[in-house]
Amino acid sequence: QQSHSIVGTVPPQHMYGFESTVLLALHGGCACWAGR
């Protein structure tokens, strides 16, 4: 419903970080912060 800016404290290589930061930026309409 609304795009969010994602800040993640978990690494992108971990399944949770992979899904909820990287994939959510690619196909969830969001944009991720590059840092961890």
Full PDB file with SEQRES, HELIX, SHEET, SSBOND, CRYST1, ORIGX, SCALE, CONECT and MASTER records, all heavy atoms in Angstrom:
SEQRES   1 A   36  GLN GLN SER HIS SER ILE VAL GLY THR VAL PRO PRO GLN          
SEQRES   2 A   36  HIS MET TYR GLY PHE GLU SER THR VAL LEU LEU ALA LEU          
SEQRES   3 A   36  HIS GLY GLY CYS ALA CYS TRP ALA GLY ARG                      
HELIX    1 AA1 MET A   15  GLY A   17  1                                   3    
HELIX    2 AA2 PHE A   18  LEU A   23  3                                   6    
HELIX    3 AA3 LEU A   24  HIS A   27  1                                   4    
SHEET    1 AA1 2 SER A   5  ILE A   6  0                                        
SHEET    2 AA1 2 ALA A  31  CYS A  32  1                                        
CRYST1    1.000    1.000    1.000  90.00  90.00  90.00 P 1           1          
ORIGX1      1.000000  0.000000  0.000000        0.00000                         
ORIGX2      0.000000  1.000000  0.000000        0.00000                         
ORIGX3      0.000000  0.000000  1.000000        0.00000                         
SCALE1      1.000000  0.000000  0.000000        0.00000                         
SCALE2      0.000000  1.000000  0.000000        0.00000                         
SCALE3      0.000000  0.000000  1.000000        0.00000                         
ATOM      1  N   GLN A   1       0.810  -1.208   0.000  1.00  0.00           N  
ATOM      2  CA  GLN A   1       0.000   0.000   0.000  1.00  0.00           C  
ATOM      3  C   GLN A   1       0.850   1.268   0.000  1.00  0.00           C  
ATOM      4  O   GLN A   1       0.409   2.318  -0.467  1.00  0.00           O  
ATOM      5  CB  GLN A   1      -0.919   0.013   1.234  1.00  0.00           C  
ATOM      6  CG  GLN A   1      -1.861  -1.175   1.320  1.00  0.00           C  
ATOM      7  CD  GLN A   1      -2.824  -1.225   0.154  1.00  0.00           C  
ATOM      8  OE1 GLN A   1      -3.411  -0.209  -0.245  1.00  0.00           O  
ATOM      9  NE2 GLN A   1      -2.986  -2.420  -0.418  1.00  0.00           N  
ATOM     10  N   GLN A   2       2.064   1.180   0.538  1.00  0.00           N  
ATOM     11  CA  GLN A   2       2.936   2.347   0.628  1.00  0.00           C  
ATOM     12  C   GLN A   2       4.381   1.899   0.680  1.00  0.00           C  
ATOM     13  O   GLN A   2       4.744   1.048   1.490  1.00  0.00           O  
ATOM     14  CB  GLN A   2       2.600   3.183   1.866  1.00  0.00           C  
ATOM     15  CG  GLN A   2       3.360   4.493   1.946  1.00  0.00           C  
ATOM     16  CD  GLN A   2       2.928   5.342   3.128  1.00  0.00           C  
ATOM     17  OE1 GLN A   2       2.467   4.818   4.141  1.00  0.00           O  
ATOM     18  NE2 GLN A   2       3.049   6.650   3.008  1.00  0.00           N  
ATOM     19  N   SER A   3       5.201   2.458  -0.187  1.00  0.00           N  
ATOM     20  CA  SER A   3       6.618   2.104  -0.216  1.00  0.00           C  
ATOM     21  C   SER A   3       7.310   2.571   1.057  1.00  0.00           C  
ATOM     22  O   SER A   3       7.039   3.664   1.559  1.00  0.00           O  
ATOM     23  CB  SER A   3       7.290   2.737  -1.433  1.00  0.00           C  
ATOM     24  OG  SER A   3       8.681   2.492  -1.433  1.00  0.00           O  
ATOM     25  N   HIS A   4       8.186   1.742   1.608  1.00  0.00           N  
ATOM     26  CA  HIS A   4       8.943   2.080   2.802  1.00  0.00           C  
ATOM     27  C   HIS A   4      10.445   2.085   2.497  1.00  0.00           C  
ATOM     28  O   HIS A   4      10.907   1.394   1.590  1.00  0.00           O  
ATOM     29  CB  HIS A   4       8.686   1.062   3.920  1.00  0.00           C  
ATOM     30  CG  HIS A   4       7.390   1.261   4.633  1.00  0.00           C  
ATOM     31  ND1 HIS A   4       6.160   1.186   4.010  1.00  0.00           N  
ATOM     32  CD2 HIS A   4       7.125   1.542   5.950  1.00  0.00           C  
ATOM     33  CE1 HIS A   4       5.194   1.396   4.895  1.00  0.00           C  
ATOM     34  NE2 HIS A   4       5.755   1.610   6.069  1.00  0.00           N  
ATOM     35  N   SER A   5      11.179   2.841   3.292  1.00  0.00           N  
ATOM     36  CA  SER A   5      12.635   2.801   3.260  1.00  0.00           C  
ATOM     37  C   SER A   5      13.083   1.796   4.307  1.00  0.00           C  
ATOM     38  O   SER A   5      12.764   1.944   5.486  1.00  0.00           O  
ATOM     39  CB  SER A   5      13.223   4.177   3.580  1.00  0.00           C  
ATOM     40  OG  SER A   5      12.760   5.158   2.669  1.00  0.00           O  
ATOM     41  N   ILE A   6      13.831   0.776   3.881  1.00  0.00           N  
ATOM     42  CA  ILE A   6      14.207  -0.321   4.768  1.00  0.00           C  
ATOM     43  C   ILE A   6      15.597  -0.085   5.352  1.00  0.00           C  
ATOM     44  O   ILE A   6      16.560   0.123   4.619  1.00  0.00           O  
ATOM     45  CB  ILE A   6      14.223  -1.662   4.014  1.00  0.00           C  
ATOM     46  CG1 ILE A   6      12.876  -1.928   3.340  1.00  0.00           C  
ATOM     47  CG2 ILE A   6      14.573  -2.804   4.953  1.00  0.00           C  
ATOM     48  CD1 ILE A   6      12.916  -3.106   2.378  1.00  0.00           C  
ATOM     49  N   VAL A   7      15.684  -0.143   6.673  1.00  0.00           N  
ATOM     50  CA  VAL A   7      16.968  -0.180   7.359  1.00  0.00           C  
ATOM     51  C   VAL A   7      17.053  -1.527   8.064  1.00  0.00           C  
ATOM     52  O   VAL A   7      16.188  -1.863   8.873  1.00  0.00           O  
ATOM     53  CB  VAL A   7      17.112   0.968   8.377  1.00  0.00           C  
ATOM     54  CG1 VAL A   7      18.371   0.775   9.232  1.00  0.00           C  
ATOM     55  CG2 VAL A   7      17.155   2.313   7.660  1.00  0.00           C  
ATOM     56  N   GLY A   8      18.070  -2.322   7.738  1.00  0.00           N  
ATOM     57  CA  GLY A   8      18.191  -3.662   8.300  1.00  0.00           C  
ATOM     58  C   GLY A   8      19.436  -3.813   9.141  1.00  0.00           C  
ATOM     59  O   GLY A   8      20.527  -3.394   8.731  1.00  0.00           O  
ATOM     60  N   THR A   9      19.283  -4.415  10.328  1.00  0.00           N  
ATOM     61  CA  THR A   9      20.448  -4.693  11.173  1.00  0.00           C  
ATOM     62  C   THR A   9      20.978  -6.099  10.962  1.00  0.00           C  
ATOM     63  O   THR A   9      21.967  -6.485  11.597  1.00  0.00           O  
ATOM     64  CB  THR A   9      20.092  -4.517  12.670  1.00  0.00           C  
ATOM     65  OG1 THR A   9      19.146  -5.529  13.055  1.00  0.00           O  
ATOM     66  CG2 THR A   9      19.500  -3.145  12.929  1.00  0.00           C  
ATOM     67  N   VAL A  10      20.329  -6.875  10.102  1.00  0.00           N  
ATOM     68  CA  VAL A  10      20.733  -8.259   9.844  1.00  0.00           C  
ATOM     69  C   VAL A  10      21.419  -8.340   8.486  1.00  0.00           C  
ATOM     70  O   VAL A  10      21.105  -7.571   7.572  1.00  0.00           O  
ATOM     71  CB  VAL A  10      19.519  -9.208   9.880  1.00  0.00           C  
ATOM     72  CG1 VAL A  10      19.044  -9.403  11.302  1.00  0.00           C  
ATOM     73  CG2 VAL A  10      18.384  -8.679   9.022  1.00  0.00           C  
ATOM     74  N   PRO A  11      22.372  -9.250   8.321  1.00  0.00           N  
ATOM     75  CA  PRO A  11      23.115  -9.335   7.061  1.00  0.00           C  
ATOM     76  C   PRO A  11      22.238  -9.832   5.922  1.00  0.00           C  
ATOM     77  O   PRO A  11      21.318 -10.625   6.130  1.00  0.00           O  
ATOM     78  CB  PRO A  11      24.245 -10.326   7.371  1.00  0.00           C  
ATOM     79  CG  PRO A  11      23.753 -11.129   8.525  1.00  0.00           C  
ATOM     80  CD  PRO A  11      22.880 -10.224   9.330  1.00  0.00           C  
ATOM     81  N   PRO A  12      22.515  -9.400   4.694  1.00  0.00           N  
ATOM     82  CA  PRO A  12      21.702  -9.831   3.549  1.00  0.00           C  
ATOM     83  C   PRO A  12      21.908 -11.304   3.216  1.00  0.00           C  
ATOM     84  O   PRO A  12      21.070 -11.897   2.529  1.00  0.00           O  
ATOM     85  CB  PRO A  12      22.192  -8.936   2.409  1.00  0.00           C  
ATOM     86  CG  PRO A  12      23.582  -8.539   2.791  1.00  0.00           C  
ATOM     87  CD  PRO A  12      23.562  -8.437   4.288  1.00  0.00           C  
ATOM     88  N   GLN A  13      22.996 -11.911   3.695  1.00  0.00           N  
ATOM     89  CA  GLN A  13      23.245 -13.328   3.416  1.00  0.00           C  
ATOM     90  C   GLN A  13      22.377 -14.247   4.279  1.00  0.00           C  
ATOM     91  O   GLN A  13      22.233 -15.421   3.968  1.00  0.00           O  
ATOM     92  CB  GLN A  13      24.724 -13.664   3.651  1.00  0.00           C  
ATOM     93  CG  GLN A  13      25.679 -13.039   2.654  1.00  0.00           C  
ATOM     94  CD  GLN A  13      26.117 -11.634   3.021  1.00  0.00           C  
ATOM     95  OE1 GLN A  13      25.655 -11.059   4.012  1.00  0.00           O  
ATOM     96  NE2 GLN A  13      27.015 -11.062   2.233  1.00  0.00           N  
ATOM     97  N   HIS A  14      21.826 -13.740   5.362  1.00  0.00           N  
ATOM     98  CA  HIS A  14      20.954 -14.532   6.222  1.00  0.00           C  
ATOM     99  C   HIS A  14      19.553 -14.554   5.618  1.00  0.00           C  
ATOM    100  O   HIS A  14      19.084 -13.565   5.065  1.00  0.00           O  
ATOM    101  CB  HIS A  14      20.926 -13.927   7.629  1.00  0.00           C  
ATOM    102  CG  HIS A  14      20.147 -14.731   8.618  1.00  0.00           C  
ATOM    103  ND1 HIS A  14      18.794 -14.584   8.790  1.00  0.00           N  
ATOM    104  CD2 HIS A  14      20.526 -15.692   9.482  1.00  0.00           C  
ATOM    105  CE1 HIS A  14      18.368 -15.416   9.726  1.00  0.00           C  
ATOM    106  NE2 HIS A  14      19.407 -16.106  10.159  1.00  0.00           N  
ATOM    107  N   MET A  15      18.840 -15.682   5.728  1.00  0.00           N  
ATOM    108  CA  MET A  15      17.554 -15.826   5.051  1.00  0.00           C  
ATOM    109  C   MET A  15      16.574 -14.721   5.422  1.00  0.00           C  
ATOM    110  O   MET A  15      15.873 -14.186   4.569  1.00  0.00           O  
ATOM    111  CB  MET A  15      16.951 -17.209   5.368  1.00  0.00           C  
ATOM    112  CG  MET A  15      15.762 -17.576   4.492  1.00  0.00           C  
ATOM    113  SD  MET A  15      16.225 -17.736   2.751  1.00  0.00           S  
ATOM    114  CE  MET A  15      14.619 -17.760   1.969  1.00  0.00           C  
ATOM    115  N   TYR A  16      16.532 -14.351   6.682  1.00  0.00           N  
ATOM    116  CA  TYR A  16      15.639 -13.279   7.135  1.00  0.00           C  
ATOM    117  C   TYR A  16      16.032 -11.949   6.500  1.00  0.00           C  
ATOM    118  O   TYR A  16      15.198 -11.228   5.949  1.00  0.00           O  
ATOM    119  CB  TYR A  16      15.692 -13.220   8.663  1.00  0.00           C  
ATOM    120  CG  TYR A  16      15.048 -12.026   9.307  1.00  0.00           C  
ATOM    121  CD1 TYR A  16      13.788 -11.550   8.920  1.00  0.00           C  
ATOM    122  CD2 TYR A  16      15.693 -11.374  10.373  1.00  0.00           C  
ATOM    123  CE1 TYR A  16      13.209 -10.464   9.553  1.00  0.00           C  
ATOM    124  CE2 TYR A  16      15.113 -10.296  11.016  1.00  0.00           C  
ATOM    125  CZ  TYR A  16      13.879  -9.837  10.605  1.00  0.00           C  
ATOM    126  OH  TYR A  16      13.302  -8.750  11.229  1.00  0.00           O  
ATOM    127  N   GLY A  17      17.330 -11.609   6.548  1.00  0.00           N  
ATOM    128  CA  GLY A  17      17.783 -10.382   5.917  1.00  0.00           C  
ATOM    129  C   GLY A  17      17.633 -10.406   4.407  1.00  0.00           C  
ATOM    130  O   GLY A  17      17.316  -9.393   3.771  1.00  0.00           O  
ATOM    131  N   PHE A  18      17.867 -11.573   3.822  1.00  0.00           N  
ATOM    132  CA  PHE A  18      17.722 -11.756   2.378  1.00  0.00           C  
ATOM    133  C   PHE A  18      16.284 -11.460   1.942  1.00  0.00           C  
ATOM    134  O   PHE A  18      16.032 -10.697   1.003  1.00  0.00           O  
ATOM    135  CB  PHE A  18      18.121 -13.191   2.034  1.00  0.00           C  
ATOM    136  CG  PHE A  18      18.058 -13.552   0.574  1.00  0.00           C  
ATOM    137  CD1 PHE A  18      18.729 -12.813  -0.374  1.00  0.00           C  
ATOM    138  CD2 PHE A  18      17.336 -14.665   0.160  1.00  0.00           C  
ATOM    139  CE1 PHE A  18      18.696 -13.164  -1.723  1.00  0.00           C  
ATOM    140  CE2 PHE A  18      17.296 -15.023  -1.174  1.00  0.00           C  
ATOM    141  CZ  PHE A  18      17.966 -14.269  -2.117  1.00  0.00           C  
ATOM    142  N   GLU A  19      15.314 -12.046   2.662  1.00  0.00           N  
ATOM    143  CA  GLU A  19      13.913 -11.850   2.303  1.00  0.00           C  
ATOM    144  C   GLU A  19      13.426 -10.444   2.619  1.00  0.00           C  
ATOM    145  O   GLU A  19      12.763  -9.809   1.783  1.00  0.00           O  
ATOM    146  CB  GLU A  19      13.035 -12.843   3.073  1.00  0.00           C  
ATOM    147  CG  GLU A  19      13.164 -14.283   2.638  1.00  0.00           C  
ATOM    148  CD  GLU A  19      12.285 -15.189   3.484  1.00  0.00           C  
ATOM    149  OE1 GLU A  19      12.197 -14.982   4.709  1.00  0.00           O  
ATOM    150  OE2 GLU A  19      11.673 -16.092   2.908  1.00  0.00           O  
ATOM    151  N   SER A  20      13.732  -9.966   3.831  1.00  0.00           N  
ATOM    152  CA  SER A  20      13.070  -8.771   4.352  1.00  0.00           C  
ATOM    153  C   SER A  20      13.778  -7.467   4.037  1.00  0.00           C  
ATOM    154  O   SER A  20      13.256  -6.398   4.360  1.00  0.00           O  
ATOM    155  CB  SER A  20      12.889  -8.904   5.873  1.00  0.00           C  
ATOM    156  OG  SER A  20      12.088 -10.024   6.176  1.00  0.00           O  
ATOM    157  N   THR A  21      14.963  -7.538   3.430  1.00  0.00           N  
ATOM    158  CA  THR A  21      15.618  -6.311   2.979  1.00  0.00           C  
ATOM    159  C   THR A  21      15.870  -6.356   1.469  1.00  0.00           C  
ATOM    160  O   THR A  21      15.348  -5.538   0.726  1.00  0.00           O  
ATOM    161  CB  THR A  21      16.932  -6.060   3.749  1.00  0.00           C  
ATOM    162  OG1 THR A  21      17.861  -7.111   3.510  1.00  0.00           O  
ATOM    163  CG2 THR A  21      16.680  -5.934   5.236  1.00  0.00           C  
ATOM    164  N   VAL A  22      16.608  -7.352   1.008  1.00  0.00           N  
ATOM    165  CA  VAL A  22      16.979  -7.415  -0.413  1.00  0.00           C  
ATOM    166  C   VAL A  22      15.772  -7.716  -1.301  1.00  0.00           C  
ATOM    167  O   VAL A  22      15.461  -6.964  -2.237  1.00  0.00           O  
ATOM    168  CB  VAL A  22      18.083  -8.461  -0.629  1.00  0.00           C  
ATOM    169  CG1 VAL A  22      18.390  -8.624  -2.111  1.00  0.00           C  
ATOM    170  CG2 VAL A  22      19.337  -8.072   0.133  1.00  0.00           C  
ATOM    171  N   LEU A  23      15.068  -8.818  -1.030  1.00  0.00           N  
ATOM    172  CA  LEU A  23      13.931  -9.179  -1.881  1.00  0.00           C  
ATOM    173  C   LEU A  23      12.783  -8.197  -1.740  1.00  0.00           C  
ATOM    174  O   LEU A  23      12.053  -7.926  -2.707  1.00  0.00           O  
ATOM    175  CB  LEU A  23      13.463 -10.602  -1.557  1.00  0.00           C  
ATOM    176  CG  LEU A  23      14.453 -11.714  -1.905  1.00  0.00           C  
ATOM    177  CD1 LEU A  23      13.900 -13.076  -1.481  1.00  0.00           C  
ATOM    178  CD2 LEU A  23      14.767 -11.719  -3.393  1.00  0.00           C  
ATOM    179  N   LEU A  24      12.604  -7.624  -0.539  1.00  0.00           N  
ATOM    180  CA  LEU A  24      11.544  -6.638  -0.357  1.00  0.00           C  
ATOM    181  C   LEU A  24      11.843  -5.363  -1.133  1.00  0.00           C  
ATOM    182  O   LEU A  24      10.927  -4.647  -1.541  1.00  0.00           O  
ATOM    183  CB  LEU A  24      11.380  -6.328   1.134  1.00  0.00           C  
ATOM    184  CG  LEU A  24      10.030  -5.767   1.599  1.00  0.00           C  
ATOM    185  CD1 LEU A  24       8.871  -6.656   1.166  1.00  0.00           C  
ATOM    186  CD2 LEU A  24      10.022  -5.595   3.110  1.00  0.00           C  
ATOM    187  N   ALA A  25      13.130  -5.082  -1.360  1.00  0.00           N  
ATOM    188  CA  ALA A  25      13.488  -3.948  -2.216  1.00  0.00           C  
ATOM    189  C   ALA A  25      13.265  -4.279  -3.691  1.00  0.00           C  
ATOM    190  O   ALA A  25      12.838  -3.429  -4.473  1.00  0.00           O  
ATOM    191  CB  ALA A  25      14.943  -3.547  -1.978  1.00  0.00           C  
ATOM    192  N   LEU A  26      13.542  -5.519  -4.074  1.00  0.00           N  
ATOM    193  CA  LEU A  26      13.380  -5.895  -5.482  1.00  0.00           C  
ATOM    194  C   LEU A  26      11.922  -6.062  -5.874  1.00  0.00           C  
ATOM    195  O   LEU A  26      11.502  -5.613  -6.963  1.00  0.00           O  
ATOM    196  CB  LEU A  26      14.134  -7.207  -5.754  1.00  0.00           C  
ATOM    197  CG  LEU A  26      15.658  -7.139  -5.756  1.00  0.00           C  
ATOM    198  CD1 LEU A  26      16.244  -8.540  -5.885  1.00  0.00           C  
ATOM    199  CD2 LEU A  26      16.166  -6.236  -6.878  1.00  0.00           C  
ATOM    200  N   HIS A  27      11.119  -6.698  -5.009  1.00  0.00           N  
ATOM    201  CA  HIS A  27       9.750  -7.019  -5.411  1.00  0.00           C  
ATOM    202  C   HIS A  27       8.693  -6.684  -4.366  1.00  0.00           C  
ATOM    203  O   HIS A  27       7.570  -7.174  -4.457  1.00  0.00           O  
ATOM    204  CB  HIS A  27       9.652  -8.503  -5.802  1.00  0.00           C  
ATOM    205  CG  HIS A  27      10.020  -8.749  -7.226  1.00  0.00           C  
ATOM    206  ND1 HIS A  27       9.179  -8.485  -8.284  1.00  0.00           N  
ATOM    207  CD2 HIS A  27      11.178  -9.206  -7.780  1.00  0.00           C  
ATOM    208  CE1 HIS A  27       9.781  -8.784  -9.419  1.00  0.00           C  
ATOM    209  NE2 HIS A  27      11.004  -9.220  -9.142  1.00  0.00           N  
ATOM    210  N   GLY A  28       9.024  -5.845  -3.410  1.00  0.00           N  
ATOM    211  CA  GLY A  28       8.030  -5.413  -2.431  1.00  0.00           C  
ATOM    212  C   GLY A  28       7.729  -3.933  -2.510  1.00  0.00           C  
ATOM    213  O   GLY A  28       7.058  -3.381  -1.633  1.00  0.00           O  
ATOM    214  N   GLY A  29       8.247  -3.266  -3.548  1.00  0.00           N  
ATOM    215  CA  GLY A  29       7.974  -1.848  -3.710  1.00  0.00           C  
ATOM    216  C   GLY A  29       8.737  -0.950  -2.760  1.00  0.00           C  
ATOM    217  O   GLY A  29       8.414   0.229  -2.629  1.00  0.00           O  
ATOM    218  N   CYS A  30       9.757  -1.469  -2.088  1.00  0.00           N  
ATOM    219  CA  CYS A  30      10.510  -0.701  -1.088  1.00  0.00           C  
ATOM    220  C   CYS A  30      11.907  -0.370  -1.608  1.00  0.00           C  
ATOM    221  O   CYS A  30      12.310  -0.812  -2.680  1.00  0.00           O  
ATOM    222  CB  CYS A  30      10.605  -1.490   0.211  1.00  0.00           C  
ATOM    223  SG  CYS A  30       9.007  -1.808   1.006  1.00  0.00           S  
ATOM    224  N   ALA A  31      12.631   0.413  -0.825  1.00  0.00           N  
ATOM    225  CA  ALA A  31      14.023   0.735  -1.126  1.00  0.00           C  
ATOM    226  C   ALA A  31      14.843   0.488   0.123  1.00  0.00           C  
ATOM    227  O   ALA A  31      14.411   0.818   1.236  1.00  0.00           O  
ATOM    228  CB  ALA A  31      14.159   2.192  -1.573  1.00  0.00           C  
ATOM    229  N   CYS A  32      16.032  -0.112  -0.026  1.00  0.00           N  
ATOM    230  CA  CYS A  32      16.822  -0.483   1.152  1.00  0.00           C  
ATOM    231  C   CYS A  32      18.013   0.449   1.354  1.00  0.00           C  
ATOM    232  O   CYS A  32      18.561   0.998   0.397  1.00  0.00           O  
ATOM    233  CB  CYS A  32      17.303  -1.930   1.047  1.00  0.00           C  
ATOM    234  SG  CYS A  32      18.512  -2.238  -0.254  1.00  0.00           S  
ATOM    235  N   TRP A  33      18.375   0.642   2.621  1.00  0.00           N  
ATOM    236  CA  TRP A  33      19.601   1.355   2.984  1.00  0.00           C  
ATOM    237  C   TRP A  33      20.770   0.405   2.776  1.00  0.00           C  
ATOM    238  O   TRP A  33      20.714  -0.758   3.153  1.00  0.00           O  
ATOM    239  CB  TRP A  33      19.525   1.821   4.430  1.00  0.00           C  
ATOM    240  CG  TRP A  33      20.797   2.399   4.976  1.00  0.00           C  
ATOM    241  CD1 TRP A  33      21.568   1.883   5.968  1.00  0.00           C  
ATOM    242  CD2 TRP A  33      21.449   3.608   4.556  1.00  0.00           C  
ATOM    243  NE1 TRP A  33      22.667   2.687   6.201  1.00  0.00           N  
ATOM    244  CE2 TRP A  33      22.617   3.753   5.347  1.00  0.00           C  
ATOM    245  CE3 TRP A  33      21.173   4.573   3.596  1.00  0.00           C  
ATOM    246  CZ2 TRP A  33      23.486   4.827   5.208  1.00  0.00           C  
ATOM    247  CZ3 TRP A  33      22.045   5.641   3.440  1.00  0.00           C  
ATOM    248  CH2 TRP A  33      23.183   5.771   4.235  1.00  0.00           C  
ATOM    249  N   ALA A  34      21.851   0.904   2.168  1.00  0.00           N  
ATOM    250  CA  ALA A  34      22.963   0.045   1.763  1.00  0.00           C  
ATOM    251  C   ALA A  34      23.749  -0.512   2.942  1.00  0.00           C  
ATOM    252  O   ALA A  34      24.354  -1.576   2.832  1.00  0.00           O  
ATOM    253  CB  ALA A  34      23.901   0.808   0.829  1.00  0.00           C  
ATOM    254  N   GLY A  35      23.748   0.180   4.057  1.00  0.00           N  
ATOM    255  CA  GLY A  35      24.563  -0.249   5.179  1.00  0.00           C  
ATOM    256  C   GLY A  35      23.899  -1.319   6.023  1.00  0.00           C  
ATOM    257  O   GLY A  35      22.734  -1.667   5.838  1.00  0.00           O  
ATOM    258  N   ARG A  36      24.678  -1.852   6.962  1.00  0.00           N  
ATOM    259  CA  ARG A  36      24.139  -2.795   7.947  1.00  0.00           C  
ATOM    260  C   ARG A  36      24.535  -2.294   9.329  1.00  0.00           C  
ATOM    261  O   ARG A  36      25.505  -2.739   9.933  1.00  0.00           O  
ATOM    262  CB  ARG A  36      24.662  -4.209   7.706  1.00  0.00           C  
ATOM    263  CG  ARG A  36      24.084  -5.225   8.697  1.00  0.00           C  
ATOM    264  CD  ARG A  36      24.391  -6.644   8.285  1.00  0.00           C  
ATOM    265  NE  ARG A  36      25.800  -6.981   8.327  1.00  0.00           N  
ATOM    266  CZ  ARG A  36      26.436  -7.416   9.414  1.00  0.00           C  
ATOM    267  NH1 ARG A  36      25.799  -7.506  10.551  1.00  0.00           N  
ATOM    268  NH2 ARG A  36      27.712  -7.741   9.353  1.00  0.00           N  
TER     269      ARG A  36                                                      
MASTER        0    0    0    3    2    0    0    6  268    1    0    3          
END                                                                             
